[in-house]
Amino acid sequence: MPTSTVVRLVPKLLIAAFKAKLNRELVLWYCLRARNHRGSGRLGLEDAIGTLVYLFGYSTSITYTALTDDDNLFLTQWPMNNINSLQIEIYEVKGVTKYFGIPPQLFH
């Protein structure tokens, strides 16, 4: 299923997420970013669910709920694409660091 990909970890982002008790959400965000090989920031919902079920052993229903929750801080649902597949948008690093109040110059 998932293939290995290099994703740059941002130490200050990891620390900020841990302090805000959002470290689990951030881990999911990093995993989905790694799965998005094209770098488009979009991933099919079924692909995202399959990846998280495979990596973490989550149930499909719990994973679906976590990914489609309106309160998700790092992802958003995207309308169906041309093959009628629901998509999620994975927010870029700058948006996530902005949420935590980390100045852009600190994550380079």
N, C-alpha and C. Protein backbone atom coordinates (compact mmCIF):
# COMPACT_ATOMS: atom_id res chain seq x y z
N MET A 1 0.84 -1.19 0.00
CA MET A 1 0.00 0.00 0.00
C MET A 1 0.88 1.24 0.00
N PRO A 2 1.17 1.91 1.11
CA PRO A 2 1.97 3.12 1.09
C PRO A 2 3.42 2.81 0.71
N THR A 3 3.99 3.72 -0.04
CA THR A 3 5.41 3.62 -0.35
C THR A 3 6.14 4.67 0.46
N SER A 4 7.45 4.51 0.60
CA SER A 4 8.17 5.46 1.44
C SER A 4 8.42 6.76 0.68
N THR A 5 8.29 7.83 1.39
CA THR A 5 8.48 9.17 0.86
C THR A 5 9.16 9.98 1.94
N VAL A 6 9.95 10.95 1.53
CA VAL A 6 10.61 11.82 2.49
C VAL A 6 9.72 13.04 2.72
N VAL A 7 9.40 13.29 3.97
CA VAL A 7 8.65 14.48 4.35
C VAL A 7 9.47 15.20 5.40
N ARG A 8 9.71 16.47 5.15
CA ARG A 8 10.51 17.26 6.08
C ARG A 8 9.71 17.56 7.33
N LEU A 9 10.25 17.16 8.48
CA LEU A 9 9.62 17.47 9.76
C LEU A 9 10.10 18.83 10.23
N VAL A 10 9.19 19.59 10.78
CA VAL A 10 9.51 20.92 11.29
C VAL A 10 9.50 20.85 12.81
N PRO A 11 10.68 20.86 13.44
CA PRO A 11 10.74 20.68 14.90
C PRO A 11 9.86 21.65 15.69
N LYS A 12 9.86 22.91 15.34
CA LYS A 12 9.04 23.88 16.07
C LYS A 12 7.55 23.58 15.93
N LEU A 13 7.19 23.05 14.79
CA LEU A 13 5.80 22.66 14.56
C LEU A 13 5.42 21.47 15.43
N LEU A 14 6.31 20.51 15.52
CA LEU A 14 6.08 19.34 16.37
C LEU A 14 5.91 19.74 17.84
N ILE A 15 6.76 20.64 18.30
CA ILE A 15 6.71 21.11 19.68
C ILE A 15 5.40 21.86 19.94
N ALA A 16 5.04 22.75 19.00
CA ALA A 16 3.81 23.53 19.16
C ALA A 16 2.58 22.62 19.18
N ALA A 17 2.55 21.61 18.32
CA ALA A 17 1.41 20.68 18.30
C ALA A 17 1.34 19.88 19.59
N PHE A 18 2.48 19.46 20.10
CA PHE A 18 2.50 18.71 21.35
C PHE A 18 1.98 19.57 22.50
N LYS A 19 2.42 20.81 22.57
CA LYS A 19 1.96 21.72 23.63
C LYS A 19 0.46 21.99 23.53
N ALA A 20 -0.06 22.04 22.30
CA ALA A 20 -1.49 22.30 22.09
C ALA A 20 -2.33 21.02 22.13
N LYS A 21 -1.67 19.91 22.44
CA LYS A 21 -2.33 18.60 22.49
C LYS A 21 -2.95 18.23 21.14
N LEU A 22 -2.26 18.61 20.07
CA LEU A 22 -2.70 18.29 18.71
C LEU A 22 -1.68 17.41 17.99
N ASN A 23 -0.86 16.70 18.75
CA ASN A 23 0.19 15.90 18.15
C ASN A 23 -0.37 14.75 17.30
N ARG A 24 -1.49 14.14 17.71
CA ARG A 24 -2.08 13.06 16.91
C ARG A 24 -2.55 13.58 15.56
N GLU A 25 -3.21 14.73 15.58
CA GLU A 25 -3.68 15.33 14.33
C GLU A 25 -2.51 15.66 13.42
N LEU A 26 -1.42 16.14 14.02
CA LEU A 26 -0.25 16.50 13.21
C LEU A 26 0.40 15.25 12.61
N VAL A 27 0.43 14.15 13.34
CA VAL A 27 0.97 12.91 12.80
C VAL A 27 0.15 12.45 11.59
N LEU A 28 -1.16 12.51 11.69
CA LEU A 28 -2.01 12.15 10.55
C LEU A 28 -1.74 13.06 9.37
N TRP A 29 -1.58 14.35 9.64
CA TRP A 29 -1.30 15.33 8.59
C TRP A 29 0.02 14.99 7.89
N TYR A 30 1.06 14.69 8.67
CA TYR A 30 2.35 14.32 8.08
C TYR A 30 2.23 13.05 7.24
N CYS A 31 1.50 12.05 7.73
CA CYS A 31 1.34 10.79 6.98
C CYS A 31 0.62 11.02 5.66
N LEU A 32 -0.41 11.84 5.68
CA LEU A 32 -1.14 12.11 4.45
C LEU A 32 -0.31 12.95 3.48
N ARG A 33 0.51 13.84 4.00
CA ARG A 33 1.41 14.60 3.13
C ARG A 33 2.40 13.66 2.45
N ALA A 34 2.88 12.67 3.19
CA ALA A 34 3.81 11.71 2.61
C ALA A 34 3.13 10.87 1.53
N ARG A 35 1.87 10.56 1.73
CA ARG A 35 1.12 9.75 0.75
C ARG A 35 0.82 10.53 -0.52
N ASN A 36 0.78 11.84 -0.44
CA ASN A 36 0.48 12.70 -1.58
C ASN A 36 1.75 12.89 -2.42
N HIS A 37 2.10 11.88 -3.20
CA HIS A 37 3.35 11.86 -3.96
C HIS A 37 3.47 13.00 -4.97
N ARG A 38 2.36 13.40 -5.54
CA ARG A 38 2.42 14.45 -6.58
C ARG A 38 2.60 15.84 -6.00
N GLY A 39 2.38 15.97 -4.70
CA GLY A 39 2.53 17.28 -4.07
C GLY A 39 1.41 18.24 -4.39
N SER A 40 0.28 17.72 -4.84
CA SER A 40 -0.84 18.58 -5.22
C SER A 40 -1.58 19.13 -4.02
N GLY A 41 -1.40 18.49 -2.86
CA GLY A 41 -2.14 18.90 -1.67
C GLY A 41 -3.52 18.28 -1.60
N ARG A 42 -3.86 17.47 -2.60
CA ARG A 42 -5.15 16.79 -2.60
C ARG A 42 -4.93 15.28 -2.66
N LEU A 43 -5.81 14.58 -2.00
CA LEU A 43 -5.71 13.13 -1.94
C LEU A 43 -7.13 12.57 -1.93
N GLY A 44 -7.34 11.49 -2.66
CA GLY A 44 -8.65 10.86 -2.65
C GLY A 44 -9.00 10.40 -1.24
N LEU A 45 -10.24 10.60 -0.86
CA LEU A 45 -10.66 10.25 0.49
C LEU A 45 -10.47 8.76 0.75
N GLU A 46 -10.82 7.93 -0.21
CA GLU A 46 -10.65 6.48 -0.03
C GLU A 46 -9.18 6.10 0.12
N ASP A 47 -8.31 6.76 -0.63
CA ASP A 47 -6.87 6.51 -0.52
C ASP A 47 -6.36 6.92 0.86
N ALA A 48 -6.81 8.08 1.33
CA ALA A 48 -6.41 8.56 2.66
C ALA A 48 -6.88 7.61 3.75
N ILE A 49 -8.12 7.16 3.65
CA ILE A 49 -8.65 6.23 4.64
C ILE A 49 -7.86 4.93 4.62
N GLY A 50 -7.61 4.40 3.42
CA GLY A 50 -6.85 3.16 3.30
C GLY A 50 -5.46 3.27 3.89
N THR A 51 -4.81 4.41 3.68
CA THR A 51 -3.47 4.63 4.22
C THR A 51 -3.48 4.62 5.74
N LEU A 52 -4.40 5.35 6.35
CA LEU A 52 -4.44 5.45 7.81
C LEU A 52 -4.89 4.14 8.46
N VAL A 53 -5.80 3.43 7.82
CA VAL A 53 -6.21 2.11 8.34
C VAL A 53 -5.01 1.16 8.29
N TYR A 54 -4.27 1.20 7.19
CA TYR A 54 -3.09 0.34 7.03
C TYR A 54 -1.98 0.68 8.03
N LEU A 55 -1.67 1.96 8.16
CA LEU A 55 -0.55 2.37 9.01
C LEU A 55 -0.85 2.27 10.51
N PHE A 56 -2.06 2.62 10.91
CA PHE A 56 -2.37 2.74 12.33
C PHE A 56 -3.37 1.72 12.85
N GLY A 57 -3.96 0.94 11.94
CA GLY A 57 -4.92 -0.07 12.36
C GLY A 57 -6.26 0.52 12.80
N TYR A 58 -6.55 1.76 12.38
CA TYR A 58 -7.83 2.38 12.72
C TYR A 58 -8.95 1.66 11.98
N SER A 59 -10.15 1.76 12.49
CA SER A 59 -11.30 1.24 11.74
C SER A 59 -11.62 2.24 10.63
N THR A 60 -12.25 1.74 9.60
CA THR A 60 -12.60 2.59 8.47
C THR A 60 -13.57 3.69 8.89
N SER A 61 -14.53 3.37 9.72
CA SER A 61 -15.53 4.37 10.12
C SER A 61 -14.93 5.48 10.97
N ILE A 62 -14.04 5.13 11.90
CA ILE A 62 -13.39 6.15 12.73
C ILE A 62 -12.49 7.04 11.87
N THR A 63 -11.78 6.43 10.94
CA THR A 63 -10.90 7.19 10.06
C THR A 63 -11.72 8.14 9.18
N TYR A 64 -12.82 7.65 8.64
CA TYR A 64 -13.68 8.49 7.81
C TYR A 64 -14.19 9.69 8.60
N THR A 65 -14.63 9.44 9.82
CA THR A 65 -15.13 10.52 10.67
C THR A 65 -14.04 11.55 10.95
N ALA A 66 -12.83 11.08 11.25
CA ALA A 66 -11.72 11.99 11.55
C ALA A 66 -11.35 12.85 10.35
N LEU A 67 -11.41 12.27 9.16
CA LEU A 67 -11.02 13.02 7.96
C LEU A 67 -12.10 13.95 7.44
N THR A 68 -13.34 13.67 7.75
CA THR A 68 -14.42 14.51 7.23
C THR A 68 -15.01 15.44 8.27
N ASP A 69 -14.43 15.47 9.46
CA ASP A 69 -14.90 16.34 10.53
C ASP A 69 -14.70 17.80 10.14
N ASP A 70 -15.74 18.59 10.30
CA ASP A 70 -15.66 20.01 9.95
C ASP A 70 -14.66 20.77 10.82
N ASP A 71 -14.34 20.25 11.99
CA ASP A 71 -13.42 20.93 12.89
C ASP A 71 -11.96 20.55 12.64
N ASN A 72 -11.68 19.77 11.59
CA ASN A 72 -10.31 19.35 11.32
C ASN A 72 -9.46 20.57 11.02
N LEU A 73 -8.34 20.68 11.71
CA LEU A 73 -7.50 21.87 11.59
C LEU A 73 -6.56 21.86 10.41
N PHE A 74 -6.23 20.68 9.90
CA PHE A 74 -5.17 20.58 8.89
C PHE A 74 -5.65 20.02 7.55
N LEU A 75 -6.93 19.69 7.46
CA LEU A 75 -7.50 19.11 6.24
C LEU A 75 -8.87 19.72 5.99
N THR A 76 -9.31 19.67 4.77
CA THR A 76 -10.67 20.06 4.45
C THR A 76 -11.19 19.17 3.33
N GLN A 77 -12.49 18.98 3.27
CA GLN A 77 -13.06 18.20 2.18
C GLN A 77 -13.06 19.01 0.91
N TRP A 78 -12.92 18.32 -0.18
CA TRP A 78 -12.92 18.94 -1.49
C TRP A 78 -14.02 18.27 -2.30
N PRO A 79 -14.68 19.00 -3.18
CA PRO A 79 -15.77 18.38 -3.95
C PRO A 79 -15.26 17.21 -4.80
N MET A 80 -16.20 16.46 -5.31
CA MET A 80 -15.84 15.33 -6.16
C MET A 80 -15.06 15.79 -7.37
N ASN A 81 -14.11 14.97 -7.77
CA ASN A 81 -13.33 15.30 -8.97
C ASN A 81 -14.01 14.68 -10.18
N ASN A 82 -13.32 14.68 -11.31
CA ASN A 82 -13.92 14.22 -12.57
C ASN A 82 -14.21 12.72 -12.60
N ILE A 83 -13.70 11.95 -11.64
CA ILE A 83 -14.02 10.52 -11.59
C ILE A 83 -14.94 10.22 -10.39
N ASN A 84 -15.65 11.25 -9.94
CA ASN A 84 -16.62 11.12 -8.85
C ASN A 84 -16.02 10.53 -7.59
N SER A 85 -14.90 11.04 -7.22
CA SER A 85 -14.23 10.58 -6.01
C SER A 85 -14.06 11.76 -5.07
N LEU A 86 -14.49 11.58 -3.82
CA LEU A 86 -14.30 12.65 -2.84
C LEU A 86 -12.82 12.87 -2.59
N GLN A 87 -12.44 14.09 -2.40
CA GLN A 87 -11.05 14.47 -2.19
C GLN A 87 -10.93 15.17 -0.84
N ILE A 88 -9.73 15.14 -0.27
CA ILE A 88 -9.42 15.99 0.87
C ILE A 88 -8.26 16.88 0.45
N GLU A 89 -8.25 18.07 0.98
CA GLU A 89 -7.14 18.99 0.74
C GLU A 89 -6.28 18.97 1.99
N ILE A 90 -5.00 18.73 1.79
CA ILE A 90 -4.04 18.70 2.89
C ILE A 90 -3.39 20.08 2.93
N TYR A 91 -3.58 20.80 4.01
CA TYR A 91 -3.05 22.15 4.09
C TYR A 91 -1.53 22.15 3.99
N GLU A 92 -1.00 23.20 3.41
CA GLU A 92 0.46 23.30 3.26
C GLU A 92 1.11 23.70 4.58
N VAL A 93 2.42 23.53 4.64
CA VAL A 93 3.18 23.78 5.86
C VAL A 93 2.97 25.21 6.36
N LYS A 94 2.99 26.17 5.45
CA LYS A 94 2.85 27.57 5.87
C LYS A 94 1.53 27.83 6.59
N GLY A 95 0.47 27.21 6.12
CA GLY A 95 -0.83 27.39 6.77
C GLY A 95 -0.88 26.77 8.15
N VAL A 96 -0.26 25.61 8.31
CA VAL A 96 -0.26 24.93 9.61
C VAL A 96 0.62 25.68 10.60
N THR A 97 1.79 26.14 10.15
CA THR A 97 2.65 26.89 11.05
C THR A 97 1.99 28.22 11.44
N LYS A 98 1.25 28.81 10.53
CA LYS A 98 0.54 30.05 10.83
C LYS A 98 -0.51 29.80 11.92
N TYR A 99 -1.20 28.66 11.85
CA TYR A 99 -2.19 28.32 12.87
C TYR A 99 -1.55 28.31 14.26
N PHE A 100 -0.35 27.78 14.35
CA PHE A 100 0.35 27.70 15.64
C PHE A 100 1.11 28.98 15.99
N GLY A 101 1.07 29.96 15.12
CA GLY A 101 1.73 31.23 15.38
C GLY A 101 3.25 31.16 15.24
N ILE A 102 3.73 30.27 14.41
CA ILE A 102 5.18 30.14 14.18
C ILE A 102 5.54 31.01 13.00
N PRO A 103 6.40 32.00 13.20
CA PRO A 103 6.80 32.88 12.08
C PRO A 103 7.49 32.06 10.98
N PRO A 104 7.21 32.40 9.72
CA PRO A 104 7.77 31.64 8.59
C PRO A 104 9.29 31.49 8.62
N GLN A 105 10.00 32.50 9.09
CA GLN A 105 11.46 32.42 9.10
C GLN A 105 11.99 31.36 10.07
N LEU A 106 11.16 30.89 10.99
CA LEU A 106 11.61 29.90 11.97
C LEU A 106 11.48 28.46 11.50
N PHE A 107 10.85 28.22 10.36
CA PHE A 107 10.72 26.83 9.93
C PHE A 107 11.51 26.51 8.68
N HIS A 108 12.39 27.37 8.28
CA HIS A 108 13.25 27.07 7.12
C HIS A 108 14.45 26.27 7.53
